[in-house]
Amino acid sequence: MNETKDLQFQKDKFGELLNAAKGNRKINEFANIVGVTRVYISQYINGKLNTAPSPELIKRIAENARNNITYNDLMIAAGYISNSDIEVDSNQIKVKNALNSLGIDDLPNELIEMFDDIKFPKTYDTLKEKNLVVVPVLNYIDKDKIIKDKHENVTSYYTFNENMYSEQLLLRMNDNSMINVNIMQGDILVVRKQDYAENGDIIVLVTEDNKTLVRRYNKVNNIIILSPENPDFKPLAYINSTFKSSGIKIIGKAIELRQNIEFVPF
């Protein structure tokens, strides 16, 4: 850190921030939420303790704070970081805090860098009032887990209607196999999650070797045909009785196309 020798626990300032973070909740209620005793919280609010709480506890306080009290506010008052430390990497800290407040954690730094110059809401309540959620845009889908644990299959995030998203996901098209129906590489498909398809549906599927494909589904007599909309790509064909045992998994049906969109600030 740039100013370690000047950092110290500002107990009165920390107490003010902690009291503001508590909001109109009773001390006992707030203490239970963050996982400590009522007396412990009370002592910090009243400036009775001379040692700052751990960064882990400060993180839990920030996650449950009201009145726009941030993790950085508390960490500065606790003496763990300085304003100059925040200036070094202010955008990444801001993004991580915002995403954490939305329940998105363990995001790789290379994805954090995508969010340069984006303004995030300070609290999840801002989104709830607009009936929106922040939805990850995926560049591929794993058979076993749609969103990987470390979000390595996430390319960006997009605001989406909360009620609609419960049964849908967003997928960024990773090739030009469907260009004849105006689905280009980089476009985003809104996909309704379902494990079946009807003739003519454009579906998202995962192959037996775990590749994500977008294809048009048709069943002709006893043959299931998964067709691209580009002659440079080959169709896949399966006998109906062996389709399920082939290892292919239908993820859902493409119901909407969104072209050239970026993450929408709000």
Protein backbone atom coordinates (compact mmCIF):
# COMPACT_ATOMS: atom_id res chain seq x y z
CA MET A 1 0.00 0.00 0.00
CA ASN A 2 1.17 3.48 -0.72
CA GLU A 3 0.67 5.04 2.72
CA THR A 4 0.95 2.15 5.19
CA LYS A 5 2.79 4.24 7.80
CA ASP A 6 -0.12 6.70 7.97
CA LEU A 7 -2.90 4.14 8.26
CA GLN A 8 -4.63 3.81 11.59
CA PHE A 9 -7.94 2.70 13.01
CA GLN A 10 -10.27 5.73 13.20
CA LYS A 11 -12.61 4.31 15.82
CA ASP A 12 -14.98 7.29 15.99
CA LYS A 13 -15.34 7.47 12.22
CA PHE A 14 -15.77 3.70 12.03
CA GLY A 15 -18.46 3.89 14.71
CA GLU A 16 -20.37 6.54 12.74
CA LEU A 17 -20.19 4.47 9.57
CA LEU A 18 -21.22 1.30 11.37
CA ASN A 19 -24.22 3.02 12.91
CA ALA A 20 -25.22 4.33 9.49
CA ALA A 21 -24.74 0.86 7.99
CA LYS A 22 -27.07 -0.55 10.65
CA GLY A 23 -29.76 1.85 9.55
CA ASN A 24 -33.06 1.64 11.43
CA ARG A 25 -32.51 -1.97 12.45
CA LYS A 26 -31.99 -2.80 16.10
CA ILE A 27 -28.42 -3.58 17.13
CA ASN A 28 -29.37 -7.14 18.03
CA GLU A 29 -30.93 -7.71 14.59
CA PHE A 30 -27.94 -6.27 12.75
CA ALA A 31 -25.49 -8.24 14.90
CA ASN A 32 -27.29 -11.48 14.08
CA ILE A 33 -27.19 -10.68 10.37
CA VAL A 34 -23.42 -10.14 10.31
CA GLY A 35 -22.70 -13.00 12.72
CA VAL A 36 -21.44 -11.29 15.90
CA THR A 37 -22.86 -10.37 19.30
CA ARG A 38 -24.94 -7.31 20.09
CA VAL A 39 -22.32 -6.13 22.59
CA TYR A 40 -19.57 -6.34 19.95
CA ILE A 41 -21.47 -4.11 17.52
CA SER A 42 -22.46 -1.72 20.31
CA GLN A 43 -18.86 -1.31 21.42
CA TYR A 44 -17.73 -0.35 17.93
CA ILE A 45 -20.60 2.08 17.44
CA ASN A 46 -19.74 3.79 20.73
CA GLY A 47 -16.00 3.90 20.04
CA LYS A 48 -15.11 1.57 22.91
CA LEU A 49 -12.75 -0.72 20.99
CA ASN A 50 -9.27 0.29 19.88
CA THR A 51 -8.64 -2.48 17.37
CA ALA A 52 -10.38 -2.67 14.00
CA PRO A 53 -12.50 -5.70 13.14
CA SER A 54 -11.16 -8.14 10.55
CA PRO A 55 -11.57 -7.45 6.82
CA GLU A 56 -13.76 -10.57 6.66
CA LEU A 57 -16.20 -9.08 9.19
CA ILE A 58 -16.09 -5.71 7.43
CA LYS A 59 -17.04 -7.46 4.21
CA ARG A 60 -20.08 -9.03 5.90
CA ILE A 61 -21.05 -5.63 7.32
CA ALA A 62 -20.72 -4.00 3.88
CA GLU A 63 -22.81 -6.73 2.26
CA ASN A 64 -25.64 -5.94 4.67
CA ALA A 65 -25.11 -2.18 4.99
CA ARG A 66 -27.74 0.49 4.47
CA ASN A 67 -27.42 4.18 3.64
CA ASN A 68 -24.92 3.47 0.83
CA ILE A 69 -22.09 2.61 3.23
CA THR A 70 -19.48 0.77 1.17
CA TYR A 71 -16.78 -1.75 1.89
CA ASN A 72 -14.16 0.87 1.00
CA ASP A 73 -15.65 3.41 3.43
CA LEU A 74 -15.35 0.91 6.27
CA MET A 75 -11.91 -0.35 5.23
CA ILE A 76 -10.50 3.20 5.16
CA ALA A 77 -11.89 4.01 8.60
CA ALA A 78 -10.56 0.67 9.88
CA GLY A 79 -7.06 1.60 8.68
CA TYR A 80 -6.63 -1.23 6.18
CA ILE A 81 -6.51 0.93 3.06
CA SER A 82 -6.11 4.59 2.13
CA ASN A 83 -7.74 6.80 -0.44
CA SER A 84 -4.63 6.53 -2.61
CA ASP A 85 -4.94 2.74 -2.58
CA ILE A 86 -8.45 3.07 -3.96
CA GLU A 87 -7.32 5.49 -6.66
CA VAL A 88 -4.79 2.92 -7.91
CA ASP A 89 -7.51 0.47 -8.85
CA SER A 90 -10.74 2.29 -8.15
CA ASN A 91 -12.76 0.85 -11.02
CA GLN A 92 -12.00 -2.78 -10.19
CA ILE A 93 -12.86 -2.25 -6.53
CA LYS A 94 -16.10 -0.47 -7.49
CA VAL A 95 -17.07 -3.22 -9.89
CA LYS A 96 -16.29 -6.03 -7.45
CA ASN A 97 -18.31 -4.36 -4.71
CA ALA A 98 -21.25 -3.77 -7.05
CA LEU A 99 -21.22 -7.32 -8.35
CA ASN A 100 -20.86 -8.72 -4.85
CA SER A 101 -23.93 -6.75 -3.79
CA LEU A 102 -25.81 -8.48 -6.60
CA GLY A 103 -24.75 -11.93 -5.44
CA ILE A 104 -22.04 -12.32 -8.10
CA ASP A 105 -18.66 -13.25 -6.65
CA ASP A 106 -15.43 -15.01 -7.61
CA LEU A 107 -15.30 -13.03 -10.86
CA PRO A 108 -11.91 -13.24 -12.68
CA ASN A 109 -10.03 -9.95 -13.04
CA GLU A 110 -10.08 -10.15 -16.83
CA LEU A 111 -13.88 -9.94 -16.69
CA ILE A 112 -13.73 -7.10 -14.17
CA GLU A 113 -11.76 -5.13 -16.78
CA MET A 114 -14.72 -5.30 -19.16
CA PHE A 115 -16.61 -2.91 -16.93
CA ASP A 116 -14.42 0.17 -17.43
CA ASP A 117 -16.45 3.39 -17.39
CA ILE A 118 -19.64 1.60 -16.34
CA LYS A 119 -21.66 3.05 -13.48
CA PHE A 120 -23.23 0.51 -11.15
CA PRO A 121 -26.09 0.99 -8.71
CA LYS A 122 -24.92 1.15 -5.11
CA THR A 123 -27.47 -1.31 -3.83
CA TYR A 124 -29.47 -4.25 -5.07
CA ASP A 125 -32.61 -2.29 -4.15
CA THR A 126 -32.01 0.02 -7.13
CA LEU A 127 -32.51 -2.93 -9.46
CA LYS A 128 -35.38 -4.40 -7.50
CA GLU A 129 -37.34 -1.16 -7.85
CA LYS A 130 -37.02 -1.45 -11.64
CA ASN A 131 -37.80 -5.18 -11.58
CA LEU A 132 -34.42 -5.89 -13.18
CA VAL A 133 -31.67 -8.39 -12.54
CA VAL A 134 -28.10 -8.45 -13.82
CA VAL A 135 -27.81 -11.53 -16.03
CA PRO A 136 -24.55 -13.10 -17.23
CA VAL A 137 -24.02 -13.43 -20.98
CA LEU A 138 -22.46 -16.85 -21.64
CA ASN A 139 -20.05 -17.73 -24.44
CA TYR A 140 -20.56 -21.45 -23.92
CA ILE A 141 -22.60 -23.80 -21.75
CA ASP A 142 -21.38 -26.75 -19.75
CA LYS A 143 -23.55 -29.86 -19.66
CA ASP A 144 -23.37 -30.15 -15.90
CA LYS A 145 -23.50 -26.49 -14.85
CA ILE A 146 -24.82 -23.67 -17.02
CA ILE A 147 -22.75 -21.01 -15.22
CA LYS A 148 -19.31 -22.27 -14.22
CA ASP A 149 -18.18 -21.81 -10.61
CA LYS A 150 -15.57 -19.15 -11.44
CA HIS A 151 -17.70 -17.56 -14.17
CA GLU A 152 -15.09 -18.52 -16.80
CA ASN A 153 -17.85 -18.94 -19.39
CA VAL A 154 -19.21 -15.41 -18.80
CA THR A 155 -18.33 -12.69 -21.33
CA SER A 156 -20.35 -9.78 -19.91
CA TYR A 157 -23.51 -8.90 -18.02
CA TYR A 158 -26.82 -7.45 -19.13
CA THR A 159 -29.87 -6.05 -17.37
CA PHE A 160 -32.94 -8.21 -17.83
CA ASN A 161 -36.53 -8.33 -16.67
CA GLU A 162 -36.57 -10.36 -13.44
CA ASN A 163 -39.80 -12.22 -14.17
CA MET A 164 -38.67 -13.18 -17.67
CA TYR A 165 -35.21 -14.36 -16.66
CA SER A 166 -36.40 -17.08 -14.30
CA GLU A 167 -36.72 -19.46 -17.27
CA GLN A 168 -34.24 -17.87 -19.68
CA LEU A 169 -30.54 -17.36 -20.26
CA LEU A 170 -28.37 -15.26 -22.58
CA LEU A 171 -25.85 -16.81 -24.97
CA ARG A 172 -23.35 -14.99 -27.17
CA MET A 173 -23.18 -16.62 -30.60
CA ASN A 174 -19.67 -18.03 -31.04
CA ASP A 175 -19.66 -18.73 -34.80
CA ASN A 176 -21.41 -17.91 -38.09
CA SER A 177 -23.25 -21.20 -38.45
CA MET A 178 -26.67 -19.46 -38.46
CA ILE A 179 -26.00 -16.42 -40.67
CA ASN A 180 -28.77 -17.24 -43.15
CA VAL A 181 -31.32 -16.45 -40.44
CA ASN A 182 -29.43 -13.26 -39.55
CA ILE A 183 -27.76 -14.66 -36.43
CA MET A 184 -24.16 -13.46 -36.59
CA GLN A 185 -21.12 -14.27 -34.51
CA GLY A 186 -21.19 -12.04 -31.41
CA ASP A 187 -24.98 -11.65 -31.39
CA ILE A 188 -26.81 -12.47 -28.19
CA LEU A 189 -29.60 -15.03 -28.11
CA VAL A 190 -32.30 -15.02 -25.48
CA VAL A 191 -32.82 -18.72 -24.77
CA ARG A 192 -35.81 -20.22 -22.97
CA LYS A 193 -34.59 -23.16 -20.93
CA GLN A 194 -36.24 -26.42 -21.98
CA ASP A 195 -35.05 -29.94 -22.74
CA TYR A 196 -37.23 -30.61 -25.80
CA ALA A 197 -37.79 -29.12 -29.25
CA GLU A 198 -40.37 -29.02 -32.03
CA ASN A 199 -39.88 -28.96 -35.77
CA GLY A 200 -38.41 -25.68 -36.95
CA ASP A 201 -37.18 -24.54 -33.53
CA ILE A 202 -33.75 -22.92 -33.29
CA ILE A 203 -32.21 -24.58 -30.28
CA VAL A 204 -29.10 -24.38 -28.15
CA LEU A 205 -27.51 -27.74 -27.47
CA VAL A 206 -24.38 -29.21 -25.97
CA THR A 207 -22.74 -32.03 -27.88
CA GLU A 208 -21.29 -35.24 -26.51
CA ASP A 209 -17.84 -33.59 -26.42
CA ASN A 210 -19.24 -30.57 -24.53
CA LYS A 211 -19.38 -28.07 -27.41
CA THR A 212 -22.16 -25.49 -27.45
CA LEU A 213 -24.01 -25.28 -30.77
CA VAL A 214 -27.00 -23.37 -32.14
CA ARG A 215 -28.96 -25.39 -34.72
CA ARG A 216 -32.41 -25.74 -36.27
CA TYR A 217 -34.24 -28.83 -35.05
CA ASN A 218 -36.30 -31.02 -37.33
CA LYS A 219 -37.57 -34.58 -36.99
CA VAL A 220 -38.24 -36.32 -40.28
CA ASN A 221 -39.80 -39.77 -39.92
CA ASN A 222 -37.46 -41.40 -37.41
CA ILE A 223 -34.49 -39.11 -37.97
CA ILE A 224 -33.60 -36.03 -35.90
CA ILE A 225 -31.70 -33.46 -37.96
CA LEU A 226 -29.82 -30.55 -36.37
CA SER A 227 -29.13 -28.14 -39.22
CA PRO A 228 -26.92 -25.04 -39.44
CA GLU A 229 -28.04 -22.08 -41.53
CA ASN A 230 -24.74 -21.79 -43.35
CA PRO A 231 -23.53 -24.23 -46.04
CA ASP A 232 -20.00 -24.08 -44.63
CA PHE A 233 -21.20 -26.06 -41.58
CA LYS A 234 -22.40 -29.65 -41.61
CA PRO A 235 -25.70 -30.85 -40.15
CA LEU A 236 -25.94 -33.54 -37.48
CA ALA A 237 -28.35 -36.46 -37.85
CA TYR A 238 -29.46 -39.07 -35.31
CA ILE A 239 -31.91 -41.92 -35.23
CA ASN A 240 -34.63 -40.94 -32.78
CA SER A 241 -34.14 -44.02 -30.59
CA THR A 242 -30.44 -43.23 -30.08
CA PHE A 243 -30.68 -39.44 -29.76
CA LYS A 244 -30.93 -39.37 -25.96
CA SER A 245 -28.10 -41.85 -25.53
CA SER A 246 -25.89 -39.89 -27.95
CA GLY A 247 -24.77 -37.52 -25.18
CA ILE A 248 -26.37 -34.46 -26.77
CA LYS A 249 -28.26 -32.24 -24.35
CA ILE A 250 -30.87 -29.69 -25.44
CA ILE A 251 -30.43 -26.56 -23.30
CA GLY A 252 -33.29 -24.49 -24.68
CA LYS A 253 -35.03 -22.72 -27.53
CA ALA A 254 -33.81 -19.41 -28.96
CA ILE A 255 -36.75 -17.00 -28.70
CA GLU A 256 -35.18 -13.59 -29.29
CA LEU A 257 -32.12 -12.09 -30.97
CA ARG A 258 -30.28 -9.06 -29.61
CA GLN A 259 -27.58 -7.65 -31.87
CA ASN A 260 -24.69 -5.36 -31.01
CA ILE A 261 -25.75 -4.78 -27.41
CA GLU A 262 -23.49 -3.83 -24.55
CA PHE A 263 -23.97 -3.93 -20.81
CA VAL A 264 -26.56 -1.26 -20.04
CA PRO A 265 -25.70 1.22 -17.22
CA PHE A 266 -28.58 2.16 -14.95
